[in-house]
Protein backbone atom coordinates (compact mmCIF):
# COMPACT_ATOMS: atom_id res chain seq x y z
CA MET A 1 -8.37 57.18 -64.41
CA LYS A 2 -8.13 57.11 -68.22
CA GLY A 3 -8.46 54.09 -70.42
CA SER A 4 -10.36 50.88 -70.02
CA LYS A 5 -7.21 48.99 -69.02
CA GLN A 6 -6.52 51.36 -66.15
CA VAL A 7 -10.13 51.08 -64.96
CA PHE A 8 -9.90 47.29 -65.11
CA VAL A 9 -6.66 47.27 -63.12
CA LEU A 10 -8.12 49.52 -60.42
CA LEU A 11 -11.31 47.50 -60.13
CA SER A 12 -9.27 44.29 -59.90
CA ALA A 13 -7.14 45.90 -57.22
CA LEU A 14 -10.23 46.93 -55.29
CA LEU A 15 -11.52 43.37 -55.47
CA VAL A 16 -8.23 42.15 -53.99
CA LEU A 17 -8.46 44.82 -51.30
CA SER A 18 -11.96 43.63 -50.44
CA MET A 19 -10.75 40.02 -50.14
CA VAL A 20 -7.79 41.02 -48.00
CA LEU A 21 -9.93 43.01 -45.60
CA SER A 22 -12.60 40.33 -45.35
CA ALA A 23 -9.89 37.89 -44.31
CA CYS A 24 -8.81 40.05 -41.39
CA THR A 25 -9.69 39.10 -37.84
CA PRO A 26 -12.50 40.82 -35.94
CA ALA A 27 -11.78 44.12 -34.23
CA ALA A 28 -11.45 42.36 -30.88
CA THR A 29 -8.19 40.76 -31.99
CA PRO A 30 -5.04 42.83 -32.27
CA THR A 31 -4.34 42.34 -35.97
CA ALA A 32 -5.69 45.78 -36.84
CA GLU A 33 -3.08 47.66 -34.82
CA PRO A 34 0.47 46.58 -35.62
CA ALA A 35 2.41 48.90 -33.42
CA ALA A 36 0.29 49.81 -30.52
CA PRO A 37 -2.41 47.14 -30.48
CA GLN A 38 -4.56 49.28 -28.26
CA VAL A 39 -3.16 52.34 -26.58
CA ALA A 40 -3.73 51.98 -22.87
CA PRO A 41 -7.15 53.31 -21.85
CA THR A 42 -5.78 55.85 -19.41
CA GLN A 43 -5.55 59.59 -19.67
CA PRO A 44 -2.60 60.88 -21.74
CA VAL A 45 -0.06 63.26 -20.27
CA VAL A 46 -1.73 66.58 -19.58
CA VAL A 47 0.19 69.20 -21.51
CA GLU A 48 0.13 72.57 -19.83
CA GLU A 49 -1.22 74.60 -22.69
CA PRO A 50 -4.73 75.77 -23.54
CA THR A 51 -6.79 73.71 -25.93
CA ALA A 52 -7.20 75.56 -29.19
CA THR A 53 -10.67 76.76 -30.04
CA ALA A 54 -11.77 75.40 -33.39
CA VAL A 55 -10.75 77.90 -36.04
CA PRO A 56 -13.49 78.74 -38.58
CA ALA A 57 -12.60 78.33 -42.23
CA ALA A 58 -11.88 81.65 -43.91
CA ALA A 59 -13.46 82.55 -47.25
CA GLY A 60 -11.50 81.25 -50.21
CA VAL A 61 -9.44 78.81 -48.16
CA THR A 62 -8.75 75.35 -49.62
CA LYS A 63 -10.46 72.72 -47.51
CA MET A 64 -8.95 69.25 -47.25
CA THR A 65 -9.96 66.13 -45.34
CA PHE A 66 -7.91 64.00 -42.97
CA TRP A 67 -9.10 60.50 -42.12
CA HIS A 68 -7.52 59.11 -38.96
CA SER A 69 -7.84 56.03 -36.74
CA MET A 70 -6.81 57.42 -33.37
CA GLY A 71 -9.58 56.78 -30.87
CA GLY A 72 -10.04 57.71 -27.21
CA ASP A 73 -8.28 60.71 -25.75
CA ILE A 74 -5.65 60.69 -28.48
CA GLY A 75 -8.25 61.17 -31.18
CA GLY A 76 -10.40 63.38 -28.99
CA LYS A 77 -7.67 65.73 -27.82
CA ALA A 78 -4.39 65.43 -29.69
CA ILE A 79 -5.77 65.25 -33.23
CA PRO A 80 -8.12 68.26 -32.76
CA GLN A 81 -5.30 70.26 -31.16
CA ILE A 82 -2.87 69.50 -33.98
CA THR A 83 -5.34 70.28 -36.76
CA ASN A 84 -6.50 73.47 -35.05
CA ASP A 85 -2.90 74.54 -34.67
CA PHE A 86 -2.34 73.94 -38.37
CA ASN A 87 -5.48 75.81 -39.36
CA SER A 88 -4.41 78.73 -37.17
CA SER A 89 -0.86 78.80 -38.53
CA GLN A 90 -1.77 79.93 -42.06
CA ASP A 91 -4.73 81.13 -44.15
CA LYS A 92 -4.50 79.06 -47.34
CA CYS A 93 -5.40 75.54 -46.17
CA TYR A 94 -8.05 74.20 -43.79
CA VAL A 95 -8.09 70.64 -42.46
CA VAL A 96 -11.32 68.84 -41.60
CA TYR A 97 -10.49 65.71 -39.61
CA THR A 98 -12.71 62.63 -39.28
CA TYR A 99 -12.28 59.54 -37.15
CA GLN A 100 -12.88 56.48 -39.33
CA GLY A 101 -12.58 53.68 -36.79
CA THR A 102 -9.85 51.04 -37.01
CA TYR A 103 -7.27 50.96 -39.77
CA ASP A 104 -9.25 48.15 -41.38
CA ASP A 105 -12.33 50.37 -41.28
CA SER A 106 -10.41 53.15 -42.99
CA LEU A 107 -9.22 50.81 -45.72
CA ASN A 108 -12.77 49.60 -46.30
CA LYS A 109 -14.00 53.20 -46.54
CA LEU A 110 -11.16 54.10 -48.88
CA LYS A 111 -12.10 51.14 -51.08
CA ALA A 112 -15.70 52.35 -51.25
CA GLY A 113 -14.60 55.94 -51.76
CA LEU A 114 -12.38 55.08 -54.70
CA GLN A 115 -15.47 53.83 -56.50
CA SER A 116 -17.81 56.63 -55.40
CA GLY A 117 -15.33 59.51 -55.52
CA ASP A 118 -15.55 60.18 -51.79
CA THR A 119 -11.87 60.03 -50.82
CA PRO A 120 -9.80 61.97 -48.27
CA SER A 121 -6.92 64.28 -49.02
CA VAL A 122 -4.81 62.52 -46.37
CA ILE A 123 -5.40 59.15 -44.72
CA GLN A 124 -3.64 57.52 -41.78
CA LEU A 125 -3.06 53.80 -42.27
CA PHE A 126 -1.14 51.10 -40.44
CA ASP A 127 2.34 50.08 -41.51
CA ILE A 128 1.30 46.73 -43.00
CA ALA A 129 -0.87 48.49 -45.59
CA THR A 130 2.27 49.78 -47.34
CA ARG A 131 2.62 47.13 -50.06
CA LEU A 132 -1.12 47.22 -50.75
CA MET A 133 -1.20 51.01 -51.06
CA VAL A 134 1.77 51.02 -53.39
CA ASP A 135 0.16 48.38 -55.60
CA LEU A 136 -3.23 50.10 -55.64
CA ASP A 137 -1.48 53.18 -57.06
CA VAL A 138 -4.01 55.54 -55.48
CA ALA A 139 -1.54 57.65 -53.50
CA ILE A 140 0.98 60.29 -54.45
CA PRO A 141 4.37 59.27 -53.07
CA VAL A 142 5.51 62.00 -50.67
CA GLN A 143 8.85 61.61 -52.46
CA THR A 144 7.29 63.62 -55.28
CA TYR A 145 6.96 66.67 -53.06
CA ILE A 146 10.21 65.99 -51.22
CA ASP A 147 12.08 66.14 -54.55
CA LYS A 148 10.08 69.07 -55.91
CA GLU A 149 10.65 71.19 -52.83
CA GLY A 150 14.04 69.90 -51.77
CA TYR A 151 12.52 69.02 -48.39
CA ASP A 152 15.26 68.02 -45.94
CA VAL A 153 14.72 64.52 -44.52
CA SER A 154 18.13 64.28 -42.84
CA ASP A 155 16.66 64.88 -39.39
CA LEU A 156 14.01 62.16 -39.76
CA GLU A 157 14.74 58.83 -38.12
CA PRO A 158 16.33 56.66 -40.86
CA ASN A 159 15.01 53.36 -39.47
CA VAL A 160 11.50 54.80 -39.50
CA LEU A 161 11.75 56.15 -43.04
CA ALA A 162 13.16 52.85 -44.28
CA TYR A 163 9.92 51.00 -43.61
CA TYR A 164 7.89 53.38 -45.78
CA THR A 165 10.46 53.51 -48.59
CA VAL A 166 9.83 51.15 -51.51
CA ASP A 167 12.11 50.89 -54.55
CA GLY A 168 13.94 54.04 -53.49
CA GLN A 169 10.79 56.14 -53.05
CA GLN A 170 9.31 57.32 -49.78
CA TYR A 171 5.60 56.68 -50.27
CA SER A 172 4.12 58.03 -47.03
CA MET A 173 5.19 60.12 -44.06
CA PRO A 174 5.48 58.21 -40.77
CA PHE A 175 3.27 59.65 -38.07
CA ASN A 176 2.68 57.31 -35.12
CA SER A 177 5.73 55.08 -34.70
CA SER A 178 6.61 52.54 -32.04
CA THR A 179 8.43 49.27 -31.40
CA PRO A 180 7.90 46.50 -28.84
CA MET A 181 9.99 46.20 -25.70
CA LEU A 182 10.14 44.20 -22.49
CA TYR A 183 8.20 45.53 -19.50
CA TYR A 184 8.94 44.09 -16.06
CA ASN A 185 7.86 44.47 -12.45
CA VAL A 186 10.86 45.94 -10.61
CA ASP A 187 9.43 45.01 -7.19
CA ALA A 188 8.92 41.40 -8.27
CA PHE A 189 12.51 41.28 -9.54
CA LYS A 190 13.83 42.40 -6.16
CA ALA A 191 11.64 39.91 -4.30
CA ALA A 192 12.96 37.10 -6.52
CA GLY A 193 16.57 38.08 -5.94
CA LEU A 194 16.99 39.40 -9.49
CA ASP A 195 18.80 42.63 -10.33
CA PRO A 196 16.26 45.02 -11.90
CA ALA A 197 19.16 47.04 -13.29
CA ASN A 198 20.12 44.01 -15.41
CA PRO A 199 16.93 42.67 -17.00
CA PRO A 200 17.15 39.67 -19.36
CA ARG A 201 18.65 40.35 -22.79
CA THR A 202 18.56 36.84 -24.28
CA TRP A 203 15.88 34.16 -24.45
CA ASP A 204 17.79 31.91 -22.05
CA GLU A 205 18.08 34.78 -19.56
CA PHE A 206 14.36 35.48 -19.93
CA THR A 207 13.53 31.82 -19.25
CA GLU A 208 15.75 31.73 -16.17
CA ALA A 209 14.23 34.96 -14.84
CA ALA A 210 10.71 33.65 -15.51
CA ARG A 211 11.46 30.56 -13.44
CA LYS A 212 12.58 32.63 -10.48
CA LEU A 213 9.65 35.02 -10.82
CA THR A 214 6.98 32.31 -10.95
CA ILE A 215 5.22 31.96 -7.59
CA LYS A 216 2.89 29.14 -6.49
CA ASP A 217 0.63 28.88 -3.47
CA ALA A 218 0.44 25.96 -1.04
CA SER A 219 -1.81 24.01 -3.40
CA GLY A 220 0.63 24.39 -6.27
CA ALA A 221 -1.49 26.90 -8.17
CA VAL A 222 0.46 29.70 -9.86
CA THR A 223 -0.24 33.10 -8.31
CA GLN A 224 2.38 34.96 -10.35
CA TYR A 225 3.72 33.82 -13.69
CA GLY A 226 7.23 34.80 -14.65
CA GLY A 227 6.04 36.18 -17.98
CA ALA A 228 3.20 36.37 -20.50
CA PHE A 229 3.09 36.94 -24.25
CA ALA A 230 -0.11 37.94 -26.01
CA VAL A 231 -0.76 35.66 -29.00
CA TYR A 232 -0.10 38.52 -31.36
CA GLY A 233 1.32 38.19 -34.88
CA TRP A 234 3.25 41.44 -34.50
CA PHE A 235 5.28 39.98 -31.62
CA PHE A 236 6.22 36.97 -33.77
CA GLU A 237 7.31 39.32 -36.57
CA GLN A 238 9.47 41.27 -34.14
CA LEU A 239 11.05 38.19 -32.56
CA LEU A 240 11.77 36.91 -36.07
CA ALA A 241 13.41 40.20 -37.06
CA VAL A 242 15.67 40.36 -34.00
CA SER A 243 16.65 36.74 -34.73
CA GLY A 244 17.85 37.67 -38.21
CA GLY A 245 15.01 35.83 -39.94
CA TYR A 246 12.97 36.90 -42.97
CA TYR A 247 9.18 36.86 -43.03
CA ALA A 248 9.08 36.54 -46.83
CA ASP A 249 11.50 35.73 -49.63
CA ASN A 250 13.55 38.26 -51.59
CA GLU A 251 14.79 39.74 -48.33
CA ASN A 252 11.31 40.43 -46.93
CA GLY A 253 10.10 41.59 -50.36
CA ARG A 254 12.55 44.48 -50.22
CA SER A 255 15.04 43.37 -52.89
CA GLY A 256 12.32 42.00 -55.15
CA LEU A 257 8.64 41.12 -55.15
CA ALA A 258 7.77 38.72 -52.33
CA THR A 259 6.47 35.42 -53.73
CA LYS A 260 6.33 33.19 -50.68
CA ALA A 261 6.38 33.17 -46.89
CA THR A 262 9.64 32.11 -45.24
CA PHE A 263 8.82 32.50 -41.54
CA ASN A 264 8.92 28.69 -41.17
CA SER A 265 12.70 28.98 -41.14
CA PRO A 266 14.91 27.74 -38.28
CA GLU A 267 14.64 31.24 -36.79
CA GLY A 268 10.83 31.10 -36.81
CA VAL A 269 10.72 27.56 -35.41
CA ALA A 270 13.08 28.54 -32.58
CA ILE A 271 10.67 31.30 -31.50
CA LEU A 272 7.75 28.94 -31.05
CA ASP A 273 9.92 26.23 -29.49
CA TRP A 274 11.05 28.75 -26.86
CA TRP A 275 7.51 30.04 -26.35
CA LYS A 276 6.06 26.52 -26.07
CA ALA A 277 8.76 25.30 -23.66
CA MET A 278 8.07 28.10 -21.18
CA TYR A 279 4.32 27.62 -21.50
CA ASP A 280 4.61 23.87 -20.86
CA GLU A 281 6.86 24.50 -17.87
CA GLY A 282 4.21 26.73 -16.36
CA ILE A 283 6.35 29.87 -16.19
CA LEU A 284 4.76 31.72 -19.14
CA ALA A 285 1.04 32.53 -19.16
CA ASN A 286 -1.27 32.79 -22.14
CA TYR A 287 -4.11 35.33 -21.83
CA GLY A 288 -5.15 35.10 -25.48
CA ARG A 289 -4.73 37.30 -28.52
CA THR A 290 -5.72 40.68 -27.16
CA THR A 291 -2.88 42.59 -25.56
CA VAL A 292 -5.34 44.32 -23.22
CA ASP A 293 -5.84 41.11 -21.22
CA THR A 294 -2.10 40.52 -20.93
CA ARG A 295 -1.54 44.10 -19.80
CA SER A 296 -4.32 43.77 -17.24
CA ALA A 297 -2.69 40.62 -15.83
CA PHE A 298 0.62 42.48 -15.57
CA ILE A 299 -0.95 45.40 -13.69
CA ALA A 300 -2.78 42.95 -11.40
CA GLY A 301 0.52 41.29 -10.47
CA GLN A 302 -0.42 38.00 -12.13
CA THR A 303 2.67 38.09 -14.36
CA ALA A 304 6.00 39.81 -13.84
CA MET A 305 7.15 40.35 -17.45
CA ILE A 306 5.34 41.11 -20.70
CA LEU A 307 6.07 42.21 -24.25
CA GLU A 308 4.24 45.36 -25.28
CA SER A 309 4.43 48.35 -27.60
CA THR A 310 6.46 51.38 -26.59
CA ALA A 311 3.24 53.35 -27.11
CA ALA A 312 1.66 51.55 -24.15
CA LEU A 313 4.20 52.92 -21.66
CA ARG A 314 2.18 55.92 -20.47
CA GLY A 315 -0.92 53.85 -19.76
CA LEU A 316 1.02 51.10 -17.99
CA MET A 317 2.85 53.66 -15.85
CA ASP A 318 -0.42 55.26 -14.81
CA SER A 319 -2.11 51.94 -14.12
CA SER A 320 0.78 50.64 -12.00
CA ALA A 321 1.17 53.83 -9.93
CA GLY A 322 1.03 53.00 -6.23
CA LYS A 323 1.26 49.26 -6.96
CA PHE A 324 4.78 48.62 -8.24
CA GLU A 325 7.59 50.17 -10.25
CA ILE A 326 7.90 49.36 -13.95
CA GLY A 327 11.18 48.72 -15.71
CA THR A 328 11.73 48.59 -19.47
CA ALA A 329 14.33 46.79 -21.59
CA PHE A 330 15.13 45.90 -25.17
CA LEU A 331 13.14 43.08 -26.76
CA PRO A 332 15.06 39.89 -25.81
CA ARG A 333 17.14 38.22 -28.53
CA PRO A 334 18.00 34.54 -29.09
CA ASN A 335 21.61 35.33 -28.10
CA GLU A 336 23.98 38.25 -27.59
CA ALA A 337 25.32 38.03 -31.15
CA ALA A 338 21.84 38.86 -32.47
CA PHE A 339 22.12 42.40 -31.10
CA ASP A 340 24.75 43.15 -33.75
CA ILE A 341 22.82 41.54 -36.60
CA SER A 342 19.37 43.05 -36.38
CA GLY A 343 16.80 44.87 -34.29
CA THR A 344 13.12 45.63 -33.99
CA VAL A 345 10.89 46.72 -36.86
CA ILE A 346 8.90 49.94 -36.87
CA GLY A 347 5.21 49.57 -36.23
CA GLY A 348 2.38 52.07 -36.04
CA GLY A 349 1.14 54.10 -38.94
CA SER A 350 1.84 56.76 -41.53
CA VAL A 351 -0.08 59.35 -43.54
CA TRP A 352 -0.75 59.03 -47.28
CA MET A 353 -1.71 61.63 -49.90
CA ILE A 354 -4.56 60.41 -52.11
CA LYS A 355 -4.27 61.04 -55.85
CA ASP A 356 -7.78 61.80 -57.06
CA ARG A 357 -8.07 65.18 -55.34
CA PRO A 358 -7.76 68.67 -56.89
CA GLN A 359 -4.22 70.02 -57.13
CA ALA A 360 -4.90 72.68 -54.49
CA GLU A 361 -5.93 69.97 -52.05
CA GLN A 362 -2.85 67.93 -52.83
CA ASP A 363 -0.64 70.95 -52.18
CA CYS A 364 -2.41 71.59 -48.88
CA ALA A 365 -2.11 67.91 -47.99
CA TRP A 366 1.66 68.22 -48.31
CA GLU A 367 1.69 71.35 -46.14
CA PHE A 368 -0.30 69.51 -43.48
CA ILE A 369 1.97 66.46 -43.64
CA LYS A 370 5.01 68.68 -43.16
CA PHE A 371 3.30 70.28 -40.19
CA LEU A 372 2.63 66.85 -38.64
CA ALA A 373 6.30 65.98 -39.08
CA SER A 374 7.62 69.21 -37.55
CA PRO A 375 9.70 68.96 -34.33
CA GLU A 376 7.14 70.93 -32.32
CA GLN A 377 4.18 68.78 -33.36
CA GLN A 378 6.12 65.55 -32.98
CA ALA A 379 7.11 66.51 -29.43
CA TYR A 380 3.48 67.33 -28.61
CA TRP A 381 2.33 64.09 -30.25
CA GLN A 382 4.83 62.13 -28.16
CA THR A 383 3.54 63.55 -24.88
CA MET A 384 -0.09 62.99 -25.79
CA SER A 385 0.14 59.57 -27.39
CA GLY A 386 3.27 57.78 -26.19
CA TYR A 387 4.56 57.18 -29.73
CA PHE A 388 8.12 58.32 -30.24
CA PRO A 389 8.94 61.27 -32.52
CA ILE A 390 9.87 60.55 -36.11
CA ARG A 391 12.54 63.26 -36.08
CA LYS A 392 15.52 63.71 -33.77
CA ALA A 393 15.08 67.46 -33.26
CA ALA A 394 11.80 66.82 -31.43
CA TYR A 395 13.73 65.45 -28.46
CA GLU A 396 15.20 68.92 -27.90
CA ASN A 397 11.74 70.45 -27.55
CA GLN A 398 10.92 71.26 -23.92
CA LEU A 399 7.70 69.24 -24.01
CA SER A 400 9.67 66.11 -24.88
CA VAL A 401 12.44 66.92 -22.39
CA ASP A 402 9.94 67.29 -19.55
CA TRP A 403 7.98 64.20 -20.56
CA ARG A 404 11.07 61.98 -20.65
CA ALA A 405 12.16 63.36 -17.27
CA LYS A 406 8.82 62.24 -15.85
CA TYR A 407 8.92 58.89 -17.66
CA PRO A 408 12.60 57.89 -17.96
CA GLN A 409 11.53 54.36 -18.94
CA PHE A 410 10.70 55.80 -22.36
CA GLN A 411 14.41 56.26 -23.06
CA THR A 412 14.56 52.52 -23.68
CA ALA A 413 12.33 52.96 -26.73
CA ILE A 414 14.63 55.65 -28.14
CA ASP A 415 17.81 53.68 -27.41
CA GLN A 416 16.37 50.53 -28.97
CA LEU A 417 15.41 52.41 -32.13
CA HIS A 418 18.86 53.96 -32.48
CA ALA A 419 20.65 50.69 -31.69
CA ALA A 420 18.95 48.79 -34.51
CA PRO A 421 20.92 48.58 -37.76
CA ASN A 422 19.07 49.72 -40.87
CA ASN A 423 18.90 46.54 -42.93
CA ARG A 424 16.44 44.20 -44.62
CA PHE A 425 15.56 42.56 -41.31
CA THR A 426 14.61 45.80 -39.56
CA GLN A 427 12.83 47.25 -42.62
CA GLY A 428 10.13 44.61 -42.16
CA GLY A 429 8.18 42.40 -44.50
CA LEU A 430 6.59 43.93 -47.58
CA ILE A 431 3.59 41.83 -48.65
CA GLY A 432 0.11 42.84 -49.71
CA VAL A 433 -1.72 40.28 -47.57
CA PHE A 434 -0.22 41.10 -44.18
CA PRO A 435 -3.52 41.25 -42.25
CA THR A 436 -4.31 37.70 -43.40
CA ALA A 437 -0.75 36.56 -42.67
CA ARG A 438 -0.85 37.97 -39.17
CA GLN A 439 -4.11 36.18 -38.43
CA THR A 440 -2.63 32.94 -39.77
CA ILE A 441 0.41 33.24 -37.50
CA GLU A 442 -1.78 33.85 -34.46
CA GLY A 443 -3.67 30.67 -35.21
CA ALA A 444 -0.37 28.82 -35.61
CA ILE A 445 0.88 29.99 -32.21
CA GLU A 446 -2.34 28.78 -30.60
CA GLU A 447 -1.98 25.38 -32.28
CA VAL A 448 1.58 24.96 -31.03
CA LEU A 449 0.65 25.93 -27.47
CA ALA A 450 -2.24 23.46 -27.61
CA GLY A 451 0.10 20.68 -28.71
CA LYS A 452 -1.59 20.18 -32.08
CA GLY A 453 1.72 19.86 -33.88
CA THR A 454 5.39 20.69 -33.64
CA SER A 455 6.54 24.24 -34.28
CA GLN A 456 7.98 23.15 -37.63
CA GLU A 457 4.83 21.31 -38.73
CA VAL A 458 2.49 24.13 -37.76
CA LEU A 459 4.65 26.88 -39.28
CA ASP A 460 5.06 24.87 -42.50
CA LYS A 461 1.27 24.72 -42.81
CA ALA A 462 0.94 28.43 -42.02
CA ALA A 463 3.61 29.30 -44.58
CA GLU A 464 1.71 27.34 -47.24
CA THR A 465 -1.46 29.29 -46.46
CA VAL A 466 0.27 32.67 -46.59
CA THR A 467 2.25 31.74 -49.71
CA LEU A 468 -0.98 30.89 -51.51
CA ALA A 469 -2.45 34.23 -50.44
CA ILE A 470 0.65 36.05 -51.71
CA GLU A 471 0.48 34.22 -55.04
CA GLU A 472 -3.21 35.04 -55.51
CA TYR A 473 -2.58 38.65 -54.55
CA ASN A 474 0.31 39.02 -57.01
CA ILE A 475 -1.72 37.48 -59.85
CA SER A 476 -4.76 39.65 -59.13
CA MET A 477 -2.57 42.77 -59.03
CA GLY A 478 -0.79 41.84 -62.24
CA LEU A 479 2.55 41.69 -60.44
CA THR A 480 5.42 39.53 -61.66
CA PRO A 481 8.65 38.68 -59.82
């Protein structure tokens, strides 16, 4: 960067980044993974195609680096396959991929790399890093290449693109996208006299179903809860969005710079009132913050309904095989009218092009990003990971057709995405301190469940904390409303 002022701004931004990351929860909590908190630890769908042998880099080829945060079989199989396919498809660019740990780990390494000069050509980051990455000004908006090349984005899912578009510019390319939905035990529904073909759509219907699904033994101990929600900030954000509530002012920071938290609105209070009422009644279980424990309870038959990411479908289907049938439904809304007002918000991650790389690397980064977004690769990615494709043409690919035939429950994820209107509610909150905010909300949910205050009192306190963090962030970044 040139000029002492620019250096000062970047160093100040890095200081803010360091503070934001240090405020995040430990890796054991789900704040690091907004869309698929932890992809189920089961084997992905086995795609009937040979695994590509690593292609050696040809002489004179431009090497570029790709930092990703996909662990397990996804990172061990899908990412190598995709990068090898790219390297084999042309002879000008060569991708070297590296697993960097969680998204928070990647951000920490990017922060260090910006000072040392060790930065990737492309980095995968979670959705809630968007405002921070824009403000750090260390990435080339993909809009630059879209405009230069006349790249056609008409086939890309508009509700997915909207999240990563700020002030009319698409900053990154979505890669792993998902939304939450309702998972339920079809066998338990039948046993309780409920129609599994008509799962609950509203909060009142969910509560009524949970009552009927809750089973107690002779001593009065609950052996099957009607439902369970992980204490996860992302679920609160989604329930707020489908209620037509804003997380932050200025329409979620989309019509102007966010200056304060607004999730302590009537819509936010209603969420925790509903949650608390079911918990107190003994029909909704609490297995803590990690979604893994809630999923495990679901598979064990300890709860009949859960909220979970669409990306968890494959693992849940595998884990429940031979035990019970799984059904999927849209995320419940406060009432039927809410279905016309709003919908779920995209979660997951996207890929960013980092600025301080040679031009040849930047050009190759764009070629790789286009490859990741191609219908063929998106269909393959869907079958291996459980995330849904970011472009509609991918659904016509035979891999996707066969996968959806095997797992028809996944159609719910697609239908829910397409049913959601593209508006300020579904575009999600745009604040630079989202990891801290999510942790704060999780603490607030725990306080309400523990009876340490009313939903309004606890959310008011949480909103004050997050508002202060937003104000400090804006000042440190030199941002003005």
